[in-house]
Amino acid sequence: MTLEPENADRQRGELADALRQLRRSVGMTGAGLAARAGMSQAKISKIENNRIRPSHLDVERILTALGVPLDGQDAARLLELARVTNSDYQGFRIALQRGLGELQRDLAAIEDAATTIRYFLPCMITGLLQTPEYARQTLAHPLVNRGAEWQTALARRLERQQSLYQSGRQFVFVLTEAALRWPLCPPAVMALQMDRIASLSELAGVDIRIVPAHPPVPSGPLNGFTLYDDRLVTVEVFTGELALRDPKDIAYSKEIFDFYHGRSLTDEDARVFLGQLAQEYRERAKTDIP
């Protein structure tokens, strides 16, 4: 279950009201709950008044402090509500009404607020690594823009790439071989795209890793995702984007990321692989019929 933006406030308000009523029903003050749960009284007040979003762990601690069994029905309902309220879904159809350029602006704001960003890319190359030609193909296709203006989005995507050169930031990209071999563009363009990724891997704040098809990895990648520090995971699908903030979802996503990260080529091995793949594309371009 996920939330469209118009339902988010209602669900969060329901959780806040339920926690406040539960505290009152056991005759405990906010200060007493804060002491038992190991939180500040201010945080308890903000949770109960729907001024901050409690994590799944926050709700577990509150329920335990109130003496509510975590394996009971009441706890199960509130914990599920906590999980749901930490998941936001923005449908692509609604987002397009604001324009593709505004979506790129939103992405830039999220990226600017993070110090370490991890990308798991099983299907295609992400915007920060794209050449202008590859980026144009991804945005100009009608399956993506649905008739919306895309030129502003292209310019803003290329502007976002400047963040790769900022000091004090760390970008980690884990791409599968399949993502690099998907022929989104003509072979000559794909060859330049491989060169671009290899060049970016030389930057101090950029770590690019490649999961080769051989030897096989004992678990298939179901989807790509992006981790922003340890506070947010975003998952993009055809119909929209899911944002997860619950610490347990973030921890599991990091576990998945580390699994593939540990089975990937890195540094010079990755650059050699990219060079070989670029040469394959160049050889293919020679035989392409104009």
C-alpha atoms as a PDB file:
ATOM      1  CA  MET A   1       0.000   0.000   0.000  1.00  0.00           C
ATOM      2  CA  THR A   2       1.328   3.417  -0.942  1.00  0.00           C
ATOM      3  CA  LEU A   3       0.097   6.967  -0.664  1.00  0.00           C
ATOM      4  CA  GLU A   4      -0.897   9.410  -3.325  1.00  0.00           C
ATOM      5  CA  PRO A   5      -0.042  12.930  -2.105  1.00  0.00           C
ATOM      6  CA  GLU A   6      -3.712  13.800  -1.532  1.00  0.00           C
ATOM      7  CA  ASN A   7      -4.104  10.882   0.904  1.00  0.00           C
ATOM      8  CA  ALA A   8      -0.841  11.357   2.800  1.00  0.00           C
ATOM      9  CA  ASP A   9      -1.999  13.969   5.323  1.00  0.00           C
ATOM     10  CA  ARG A  10      -5.121  11.985   6.198  1.00  0.00           C
ATOM     11  CA  GLN A  11      -3.155   8.792   6.885  1.00  0.00           C
ATOM     12  CA  ARG A  12      -0.511  10.577   8.952  1.00  0.00           C
ATOM     13  CA  GLY A  13      -3.195  12.388  10.913  1.00  0.00           C
ATOM     14  CA  GLU A  14      -4.887   9.066  11.639  1.00  0.00           C
ATOM     15  CA  LEU A  15      -1.652   7.653  13.049  1.00  0.00           C
ATOM     16  CA  ALA A  16      -1.018  10.758  15.165  1.00  0.00           C
ATOM     17  CA  ASP A  17      -4.555  10.677  16.593  1.00  0.00           C
ATOM     18  CA  ALA A  18      -4.348   6.948  17.345  1.00  0.00           C
ATOM     19  CA  LEU A  19      -1.062   7.296  19.236  1.00  0.00           C
ATOM     20  CA  ARG A  20      -2.324  10.267  21.238  1.00  0.00           C
ATOM     21  CA  GLN A  21      -5.558   8.496  22.170  1.00  0.00           C
ATOM     22  CA  LEU A  22      -3.663   5.355  23.117  1.00  0.00           C
ATOM     23  CA  ARG A  23      -1.403   7.305  25.488  1.00  0.00           C
ATOM     24  CA  ARG A  24      -4.372   8.989  27.111  1.00  0.00           C
ATOM     25  CA  SER A  25      -6.245   5.696  27.466  1.00  0.00           C
ATOM     26  CA  VAL A  26      -3.488   4.295  29.689  1.00  0.00           C
ATOM     27  CA  GLY A  27      -3.316   7.498  31.728  1.00  0.00           C
ATOM     28  CA  MET A  28       0.232   8.454  30.795  1.00  0.00           C
ATOM     29  CA  THR A  29       1.465  11.996  30.258  1.00  0.00           C
ATOM     30  CA  GLY A  30       3.526  13.053  27.302  1.00  0.00           C
ATOM     31  CA  ALA A  31       6.505  13.569  29.586  1.00  0.00           C
ATOM     32  CA  GLY A  32       6.070  10.102  31.074  1.00  0.00           C
ATOM     33  CA  LEU A  33       5.874   8.501  27.634  1.00  0.00           C
ATOM     34  CA  ALA A  34       8.941  10.392  26.488  1.00  0.00           C
ATOM     35  CA  ALA A  35      10.933   9.126  29.464  1.00  0.00           C
ATOM     36  CA  ARG A  36       9.874   5.512  28.945  1.00  0.00           C
ATOM     37  CA  ALA A  37      10.368   5.561  25.171  1.00  0.00           C
ATOM     38  CA  GLY A  38      13.767   7.280  25.363  1.00  0.00           C
ATOM     39  CA  MET A  39      12.580  10.246  23.305  1.00  0.00           C
ATOM     40  CA  SER A  40      12.286  13.939  24.017  1.00  0.00           C
ATOM     41  CA  GLN A  41       8.940  15.291  25.137  1.00  0.00           C
ATOM     42  CA  ALA A  42       9.071  17.682  22.194  1.00  0.00           C
ATOM     43  CA  LYS A  43       9.334  14.783  19.751  1.00  0.00           C
ATOM     44  CA  ILE A  44       6.370  12.982  21.343  1.00  0.00           C
ATOM     45  CA  SER A  45       4.337  16.178  21.081  1.00  0.00           C
ATOM     46  CA  LYS A  46       5.262  16.676  17.426  1.00  0.00           C
ATOM     47  CA  ILE A  47       4.365  13.066  16.592  1.00  0.00           C
ATOM     48  CA  GLU A  48       0.983  13.310  18.322  1.00  0.00           C
ATOM     49  CA  ASN A  49       0.200  16.614  16.618  1.00  0.00           C
ATOM     50  CA  ASN A  50       1.235  15.345  13.163  1.00  0.00           C
ATOM     51  CA  ARG A  51       4.084  17.827  12.911  1.00  0.00           C
ATOM     52  CA  ILE A  52       6.704  15.146  12.182  1.00  0.00           C
ATOM     53  CA  ARG A  53       6.447  11.725  10.596  1.00  0.00           C
ATOM     54  CA  PRO A  54       7.279   8.910  13.064  1.00  0.00           C
ATOM     55  CA  SER A  55       9.321   6.021  11.731  1.00  0.00           C
ATOM     56  CA  HIS A  56       8.347   2.388  12.161  1.00  0.00           C
ATOM     57  CA  LEU A  57      10.947   2.189  14.946  1.00  0.00           C
ATOM     58  CA  ASP A  58       9.509   5.276  16.678  1.00  0.00           C
ATOM     59  CA  VAL A  59       6.078   3.671  16.792  1.00  0.00           C
ATOM     60  CA  GLU A  60       7.545   0.402  18.094  1.00  0.00           C
ATOM     61  CA  ARG A  61       9.228   2.281  20.951  1.00  0.00           C
ATOM     62  CA  ILE A  62       6.055   4.192  21.797  1.00  0.00           C
ATOM     63  CA  LEU A  63       3.937   1.039  21.828  1.00  0.00           C
ATOM     64  CA  THR A  64       6.449  -0.775  24.024  1.00  0.00           C
ATOM     65  CA  ALA A  65       6.562   2.158  26.425  1.00  0.00           C
ATOM     66  CA  LEU A  66       2.758   2.125  26.627  1.00  0.00           C
ATOM     67  CA  GLY A  67       2.738  -1.609  27.358  1.00  0.00           C
ATOM     68  CA  VAL A  68       1.063  -2.590  24.093  1.00  0.00           C
ATOM     69  CA  PRO A  69       2.117  -6.104  22.956  1.00  0.00           C
ATOM     70  CA  LEU A  70       3.869  -5.819  19.590  1.00  0.00           C
ATOM     71  CA  ASP A  71       2.339  -9.110  18.447  1.00  0.00           C
ATOM     72  CA  GLY A  72      -1.228  -7.949  19.093  1.00  0.00           C
ATOM     73  CA  GLN A  73      -3.802  -6.647  16.611  1.00  0.00           C
ATOM     74  CA  ASP A  74      -3.686  -3.037  17.821  1.00  0.00           C
ATOM     75  CA  ALA A  75       0.085  -2.890  17.424  1.00  0.00           C
ATOM     76  CA  ALA A  76      -0.075  -4.581  14.034  1.00  0.00           C
ATOM     77  CA  ARG A  77      -2.531  -1.958  12.773  1.00  0.00           C
ATOM     78  CA  LEU A  78      -0.474   0.982  14.001  1.00  0.00           C
ATOM     79  CA  LEU A  79       2.830  -0.463  12.792  1.00  0.00           C
ATOM     80  CA  GLU A  80       1.353  -1.062   9.357  1.00  0.00           C
ATOM     81  CA  LEU A  81       0.053   2.500   9.339  1.00  0.00           C
ATOM     82  CA  ALA A  82       3.550   3.701  10.277  1.00  0.00           C
ATOM     83  CA  ARG A  83       5.024   1.775   7.378  1.00  0.00           C
ATOM     84  CA  VAL A  84       2.442   3.178   4.980  1.00  0.00           C
ATOM     85  CA  THR A  85       2.905   6.774   6.121  1.00  0.00           C
ATOM     86  CA  ASN A  86       6.626   6.443   5.483  1.00  0.00           C
ATOM     87  CA  SER A  87       5.930   5.500   1.863  1.00  0.00           C
ATOM     88  CA  ASP A  88       4.905   8.185  -0.622  1.00  0.00           C
ATOM     89  CA  TYR A  89       3.881   7.511  -4.207  1.00  0.00           C
ATOM     90  CA  GLN A  90       3.758  10.145  -6.902  1.00  0.00           C
ATOM     91  CA  GLY A  91       2.070   8.998 -10.074  1.00  0.00           C
ATOM     92  CA  PHE A  92       3.913   9.937 -13.245  1.00  0.00           C
ATOM     93  CA  ARG A  93       0.701  11.134 -14.885  1.00  0.00           C
ATOM     94  CA  ILE A  94       0.149  13.701 -12.115  1.00  0.00           C
ATOM     95  CA  ALA A  95       3.829  14.670 -12.066  1.00  0.00           C
ATOM     96  CA  LEU A  96       3.756  15.361 -15.812  1.00  0.00           C
ATOM     97  CA  GLN A  97       1.152  18.059 -15.225  1.00  0.00           C
ATOM     98  CA  ARG A  98       3.925  20.067 -13.536  1.00  0.00           C
ATOM     99  CA  GLY A  99       6.298  19.394 -16.431  1.00  0.00           C
ATOM    100  CA  LEU A 100       9.380  17.237 -16.969  1.00  0.00           C
ATOM    101  CA  GLY A 101      11.599  20.214 -16.196  1.00  0.00           C
ATOM    102  CA  GLU A 102      10.088  20.564 -12.721  1.00  0.00           C
ATOM    103  CA  LEU A 103      10.741  16.866 -12.058  1.00  0.00           C
ATOM    104  CA  GLN A 104      14.413  17.483 -12.778  1.00  0.00           C
ATOM    105  CA  ARG A 105      14.359  20.452 -10.402  1.00  0.00           C
ATOM    106  CA  ASP A 106      12.874  18.215  -7.680  1.00  0.00           C
ATOM    107  CA  LEU A 107      15.607  15.633  -8.228  1.00  0.00           C
ATOM    108  CA  ALA A 108      18.301  18.291  -7.962  1.00  0.00           C
ATOM    109  CA  ALA A 109      16.889  19.461  -4.614  1.00  0.00           C
ATOM    110  CA  ILE A 110      16.880  15.927  -3.204  1.00  0.00           C
ATOM    111  CA  GLU A 111      20.437  15.348  -4.419  1.00  0.00           C
ATOM    112  CA  ASP A 112      21.696  18.643  -3.012  1.00  0.00           C
ATOM    113  CA  ALA A 113      20.441  17.669   0.450  1.00  0.00           C
ATOM    114  CA  ALA A 114      22.439  14.401   0.474  1.00  0.00           C
ATOM    115  CA  THR A 115      26.120  13.759   1.124  1.00  0.00           C
ATOM    116  CA  THR A 116      26.264  10.146  -0.066  1.00  0.00           C
ATOM    117  CA  ILE A 117      24.020   8.878  -2.860  1.00  0.00           C
ATOM    118  CA  ARG A 118      23.976   5.232  -3.955  1.00  0.00           C
ATOM    119  CA  TYR A 119      22.417   4.140  -7.246  1.00  0.00           C
ATOM    120  CA  PHE A 120      21.554   0.552  -8.101  1.00  0.00           C
ATOM    121  CA  LEU A 121      20.961   0.419 -11.859  1.00  0.00           C
ATOM    122  CA  PRO A 122      19.969  -3.000 -13.252  1.00  0.00           C
ATOM    123  CA  CYS A 123      18.194  -1.779 -16.404  1.00  0.00           C
ATOM    124  CA  MET A 124      19.575   1.494 -17.740  1.00  0.00           C
ATOM    125  CA  ILE A 125      22.069   4.289 -17.132  1.00  0.00           C
ATOM    126  CA  THR A 126      20.951   7.038 -14.767  1.00  0.00           C
ATOM    127  CA  GLY A 127      20.767  10.740 -15.635  1.00  0.00           C
ATOM    128  CA  LEU A 128      23.939  11.851 -13.839  1.00  0.00           C
ATOM    129  CA  LEU A 129      26.026   9.540 -16.046  1.00  0.00           C
ATOM    130  CA  GLN A 130      24.291  10.125 -19.368  1.00  0.00           C
ATOM    131  CA  THR A 131      25.781  11.791 -22.420  1.00  0.00           C
ATOM    132  CA  PRO A 132      23.555  14.467 -24.007  1.00  0.00           C
ATOM    133  CA  GLU A 133      22.609  12.061 -26.803  1.00  0.00           C
ATOM    134  CA  TYR A 134      21.626   9.256 -24.410  1.00  0.00           C
ATOM    135  CA  ALA A 135      19.728  11.703 -22.195  1.00  0.00           C
ATOM    136  CA  ARG A 136      17.869  13.112 -25.205  1.00  0.00           C
ATOM    137  CA  GLN A 137      16.743   9.634 -26.195  1.00  0.00           C
ATOM    138  CA  THR A 138      15.417   8.864 -22.707  1.00  0.00           C
ATOM    139  CA  LEU A 139      13.430  12.108 -22.439  1.00  0.00           C
ATOM    140  CA  ALA A 140      12.237  12.537 -26.020  1.00  0.00           C
ATOM    141  CA  HIS A 141      10.559   9.140 -26.267  1.00  0.00           C
ATOM    142  CA  PRO A 142       6.737   9.391 -26.105  1.00  0.00           C
ATOM    143  CA  LEU A 143       6.556   6.634 -23.496  1.00  0.00           C
ATOM    144  CA  VAL A 144       8.352   9.050 -21.158  1.00  0.00           C
ATOM    145  CA  ASN A 145       7.137  12.531 -22.058  1.00  0.00           C
ATOM    146  CA  ARG A 146       3.577  11.603 -23.131  1.00  0.00           C
ATOM    147  CA  GLY A 147       3.602  14.642 -25.378  1.00  0.00           C
ATOM    148  CA  ALA A 148       5.025  17.029 -22.757  1.00  0.00           C
ATOM    149  CA  GLU A 149       7.829  19.476 -23.535  1.00  0.00           C
ATOM    150  CA  TRP A 150      11.167  17.801 -22.777  1.00  0.00           C
ATOM    151  CA  GLN A 151      13.889  20.248 -23.878  1.00  0.00           C
ATOM    152  CA  THR A 152      13.968  22.093 -20.542  1.00  0.00           C
ATOM    153  CA  ALA A 153      14.203  18.760 -18.717  1.00  0.00           C
ATOM    154  CA  LEU A 154      17.214  17.809 -20.855  1.00  0.00           C
ATOM    155  CA  ALA A 155      19.022  21.044 -20.008  1.00  0.00           C
ATOM    156  CA  ARG A 156      18.321  20.637 -16.291  1.00  0.00           C
ATOM    157  CA  ARG A 157      19.415  16.997 -16.305  1.00  0.00           C
ATOM    158  CA  LEU A 158      22.755  17.993 -17.800  1.00  0.00           C
ATOM    159  CA  GLU A 159      23.056  20.807 -15.219  1.00  0.00           C
ATOM    160  CA  ARG A 160      22.536  18.270 -12.427  1.00  0.00           C
ATOM    161  CA  GLN A 161      25.679  16.467 -13.551  1.00  0.00           C
ATOM    162  CA  GLN A 162      27.795  19.307 -12.156  1.00  0.00           C
ATOM    163  CA  SER A 163      27.174  17.891  -8.678  1.00  0.00           C
ATOM    164  CA  LEU A 164      29.561  15.036  -9.541  1.00  0.00           C
ATOM    165  CA  TYR A 165      32.429  17.524  -9.418  1.00  0.00           C
ATOM    166  CA  GLN A 166      31.584  18.997  -6.004  1.00  0.00           C
ATOM    167  CA  SER A 167      33.946  18.250  -3.147  1.00  0.00           C
ATOM    168  CA  GLY A 168      32.592  16.620  -0.017  1.00  0.00           C
ATOM    169  CA  ARG A 169      30.055  14.526  -1.942  1.00  0.00           C
ATOM    170  CA  GLN A 170      30.148  10.789  -2.627  1.00  0.00           C
ATOM    171  CA  PHE A 171      28.306   9.111  -5.519  1.00  0.00           C
ATOM    172  CA  VAL A 172      28.297   5.325  -5.806  1.00  0.00           C
ATOM    173  CA  PHE A 173      26.862   3.740  -8.951  1.00  0.00           C
ATOM    174  CA  VAL A 174      26.352  -0.003  -9.300  1.00  0.00           C
ATOM    175  CA  LEU A 175      25.324  -0.906 -12.859  1.00  0.00           C
ATOM    176  CA  THR A 176      24.665  -4.352 -14.230  1.00  0.00           C
ATOM    177  CA  GLU A 177      26.171  -5.449 -17.523  1.00  0.00           C
ATOM    178  CA  ALA A 178      22.608  -5.666 -18.843  1.00  0.00           C
ATOM    179  CA  ALA A 179      22.090  -1.934 -18.222  1.00  0.00           C
ATOM    180  CA  LEU A 180      25.208  -1.137 -20.256  1.00  0.00           C
ATOM    181  CA  ARG A 181      24.270  -3.477 -23.083  1.00  0.00           C
ATOM    182  CA  TRP A 182      20.689  -2.280 -23.527  1.00  0.00           C
ATOM    183  CA  PRO A 183      20.861  -0.650 -27.002  1.00  0.00           C
ATOM    184  CA  LEU A 184      18.897   2.494 -26.196  1.00  0.00           C
ATOM    185  CA  CYS A 185      20.872   4.465 -28.799  1.00  0.00           C
ATOM    186  CA  PRO A 186      22.797   3.615 -31.989  1.00  0.00           C
ATOM    187  CA  PRO A 187      26.110   1.785 -31.424  1.00  0.00           C
ATOM    188  CA  ALA A 188      28.281   4.860 -32.030  1.00  0.00           C
ATOM    189  CA  VAL A 189      26.376   6.770 -29.359  1.00  0.00           C
ATOM    190  CA  MET A 190      26.546   3.832 -26.972  1.00  0.00           C
ATOM    191  CA  ALA A 191      30.328   3.697 -27.443  1.00  0.00           C
ATOM    192  CA  LEU A 192      30.601   7.341 -26.396  1.00  0.00           C
ATOM    193  CA  GLN A 193      28.353   6.601 -23.430  1.00  0.00           C
ATOM    194  CA  MET A 194      30.735   3.874 -22.256  1.00  0.00           C
ATOM    195  CA  ASP A 195      33.650   6.306 -22.604  1.00  0.00           C
ATOM    196  CA  ARG A 196      31.735   8.877 -20.584  1.00  0.00           C
ATOM    197  CA  ILE A 197      31.137   6.479 -17.694  1.00  0.00           C
ATOM    198  CA  ALA A 198      34.777   5.394 -17.690  1.00  0.00           C
ATOM    199  CA  SER A 199      35.889   9.026 -17.594  1.00  0.00           C
ATOM    200  CA  LEU A 200      33.572   9.896 -14.696  1.00  0.00           C
ATOM    201  CA  SER A 201      34.895   6.926 -12.712  1.00  0.00           C
ATOM    202  CA  GLU A 202      38.200   8.804 -12.400  1.00  0.00           C
ATOM    203  CA  LEU A 203      36.581  11.569 -10.317  1.00  0.00           C
ATOM    204  CA  ALA A 204      37.456  11.614  -6.625  1.00  0.00           C
ATOM    205  CA  GLY A 205      33.866  11.536  -5.399  1.00  0.00           C
ATOM    206  CA  VAL A 206      32.558   9.006  -7.909  1.00  0.00           C
ATOM    207  CA  ASP A 207      32.663   5.223  -7.439  1.00  0.00           C
ATOM    208  CA  ILE A 208      31.382   3.292 -10.452  1.00  0.00           C
ATOM    209  CA  ARG A 209      30.983  -0.467 -10.243  1.00  0.00           C
ATOM    210  CA  ILE A 210      29.763  -3.017 -12.759  1.00  0.00           C
ATOM    211  CA  VAL A 211      28.098  -6.337 -12.017  1.00  0.00           C
ATOM    212  CA  PRO A 212      29.189  -8.628 -14.877  1.00  0.00           C
ATOM    213  CA  ALA A 213      26.931 -11.307 -16.291  1.00  0.00           C
ATOM    214  CA  HIS A 214      29.665 -13.894 -15.654  1.00  0.00           C
ATOM    215  CA  PRO A 215      30.230 -15.312 -13.153  1.00  0.00           C
ATOM    216  CA  PRO A 216      26.497 -15.347 -12.461  1.00  0.00           C
ATOM    217  CA  VAL A 217      25.165 -13.599  -9.360  1.00  0.00           C
ATOM    218  CA  PRO A 218      22.966 -15.907  -7.230  1.00  0.00           C
ATOM    219  CA  SER A 219      20.064 -13.438  -7.037  1.00  0.00           C
ATOM    220  CA  GLY A 220      18.257 -11.541  -9.759  1.00  0.00           C
ATOM    221  CA  PRO A 221      17.730  -7.765  -9.529  1.00  0.00           C
ATOM    222  CA  LEU A 222      14.017  -6.972  -9.408  1.00  0.00           C
ATOM    223  CA  ASN A 223      14.282  -3.200  -9.736  1.00  0.00           C
ATOM    224  CA  GLY A 224      16.586  -0.227  -9.458  1.00  0.00           C
ATOM    225  CA  PHE A 225      16.595   2.265  -6.602  1.00  0.00           C
ATOM    226  CA  THR A 226      18.493   5.237  -5.174  1.00  0.00           C
ATOM    227  CA  LEU A 227      19.624   5.650  -1.556  1.00  0.00           C
ATOM    228  CA  TYR A 228      20.067   9.194  -0.236  1.00  0.00           C
ATOM    229  CA  ASP A 229      22.322   8.973   2.820  1.00  0.00           C
ATOM    230  CA  ASP A 230      20.443   6.796   5.326  1.00  0.00           C
ATOM    231  CA  ARG A 231      17.179   8.736   5.202  1.00  0.00           C
ATOM    232  CA  LEU A 232      15.450   8.053   1.892  1.00  0.00           C
ATOM    233  CA  VAL A 233      15.057   5.406  -0.809  1.00  0.00           C
ATOM    234  CA  THR A 234      13.370   6.163  -4.123  1.00  0.00           C
ATOM    235  CA  VAL A 235      12.151   3.528  -6.559  1.00  0.00           C
ATOM    236  CA  GLU A 236      11.123   4.567 -10.058  1.00  0.00           C
ATOM    237  CA  VAL A 237       8.605   2.495 -12.021  1.00  0.00           C
ATOM    238  CA  PHE A 238       6.830   3.158 -15.304  1.00  0.00           C
ATOM    239  CA  THR A 239       3.789   4.694 -13.627  1.00  0.00           C
ATOM    240  CA  GLY A 240       5.502   6.837 -10.985  1.00  0.00           C
ATOM    241  CA  GLU A 241       7.983   6.996  -8.121  1.00  0.00           C
ATOM    242  CA  LEU A 242       7.868   5.475  -4.656  1.00  0.00           C
ATOM    243  CA  ALA A 243       9.677   7.199  -1.767  1.00  0.00           C
ATOM    244  CA  LEU A 244      10.489   5.113   1.334  1.00  0.00           C
ATOM    245  CA  ARG A 245      11.627   6.684   4.603  1.00  0.00           C
ATOM    246  CA  ASP A 246      11.177   3.920   7.153  1.00  0.00           C
ATOM    247  CA  PRO A 247      14.562   2.870   8.632  1.00  0.00           C
ATOM    248  CA  LYS A 248      13.788  -0.813   8.048  1.00  0.00           C
ATOM    249  CA  ASP A 249      13.108  -0.232   4.338  1.00  0.00           C
ATOM    250  CA  ILE A 250      16.272   1.842   4.089  1.00  0.00           C
ATOM    251  CA  ALA A 251      18.331  -0.815   5.900  1.00  0.00           C
ATOM    252  CA  TYR A 252      17.019  -3.579   3.628  1.00  0.00           C
ATOM    253  CA  SER A 253      17.705  -1.505   0.521  1.00  0.00           C
ATOM    254  CA  LYS A 254      21.249  -0.924   1.714  1.00  0.00           C
ATOM    255  CA  GLU A 255      21.633  -4.675   2.280  1.00  0.00           C
ATOM    256  CA  ILE A 256      20.579  -5.298  -1.324  1.00  0.00           C
ATOM    257  CA  PHE A 257      22.916  -2.582  -2.558  1.00  0.00           C
ATOM    258  CA  ASP A 258      25.850  -4.007  -0.612  1.00  0.00           C
ATOM    259  CA  PHE A 259      25.112  -7.478  -1.988  1.00  0.00           C
ATOM    260  CA  TYR A 260      25.579  -6.346  -5.598  1.00  0.00           C
ATOM    261  CA  HIS A 261      28.273  -3.818  -4.714  1.00  0.00           C
ATOM    262  CA  GLY A 262      30.388  -6.630  -3.316  1.00  0.00           C
ATOM    263  CA  ARG A 263      30.046  -8.687  -6.515  1.00  0.00           C
ATOM    264  CA  SER A 264      31.015  -5.971  -8.956  1.00  0.00           C
ATOM    265  CA  LEU A 265      34.060  -4.832 -10.884  1.00  0.00           C
ATOM    266  CA  THR A 266      35.613  -1.626  -9.630  1.00  0.00           C
ATOM    267  CA  ASP A 267      38.294   0.939 -10.457  1.00  0.00           C
ATOM    268  CA  GLU A 268      40.611  -0.205 -13.273  1.00  0.00           C
ATOM    269  CA  ASP A 269      38.758  -3.509 -13.779  1.00  0.00           C
ATOM    270  CA  ALA A 270      35.539  -1.578 -14.388  1.00  0.00           C
ATOM    271  CA  ARG A 271      37.276   0.821 -16.774  1.00  0.00           C
ATOM    272  CA  VAL A 272      38.777  -2.071 -18.749  1.00  0.00           C
ATOM    273  CA  PHE A 273      35.323  -3.640 -19.010  1.00  0.00           C
ATOM    274  CA  LEU A 274      33.845  -0.345 -20.221  1.00  0.00           C
ATOM    275  CA  GLY A 275      36.644   0.055 -22.740  1.00  0.00           C
ATOM    276  CA  GLN A 276      36.014  -3.399 -24.150  1.00  0.00           C
ATOM    277  CA  LEU A 277      32.302  -2.728 -24.374  1.00  0.00           C
ATOM    278  CA  ALA A 278      32.924   0.614 -26.092  1.00  0.00           C
ATOM    279  CA  GLN A 279      35.084  -1.187 -28.661  1.00  0.00           C
ATOM    280  CA  GLU A 280      32.295  -3.720 -29.253  1.00  0.00           C
ATOM    281  CA  TYR A 281      29.877  -0.883 -29.945  1.00  0.00           C
ATOM    282  CA  ARG A 282      32.358   0.772 -32.328  1.00  0.00           C
ATOM    283  CA  GLU A 283      32.805  -2.454 -34.256  1.00  0.00           C
ATOM    284  CA  ARG A 284      29.040  -2.785 -34.440  1.00  0.00           C
ATOM    285  CA  ALA A 285      28.732   0.797 -35.689  1.00  0.00           C
ATOM    286  CA  LYS A 286      30.957  -0.033 -38.659  1.00  0.00           C
ATOM    287  CA  THR A 287      28.471  -2.597 -39.904  1.00  0.00           C
ATOM    288  CA  ASP A 288      25.345  -0.513 -39.211  1.00  0.00           C
ATOM    289  CA  ILE A 289      23.313   0.412 -42.271  1.00  0.00           C
ATOM    290  CA  PRO A 290      22.754   4.206 -42.331  1.00  0.00           C
END
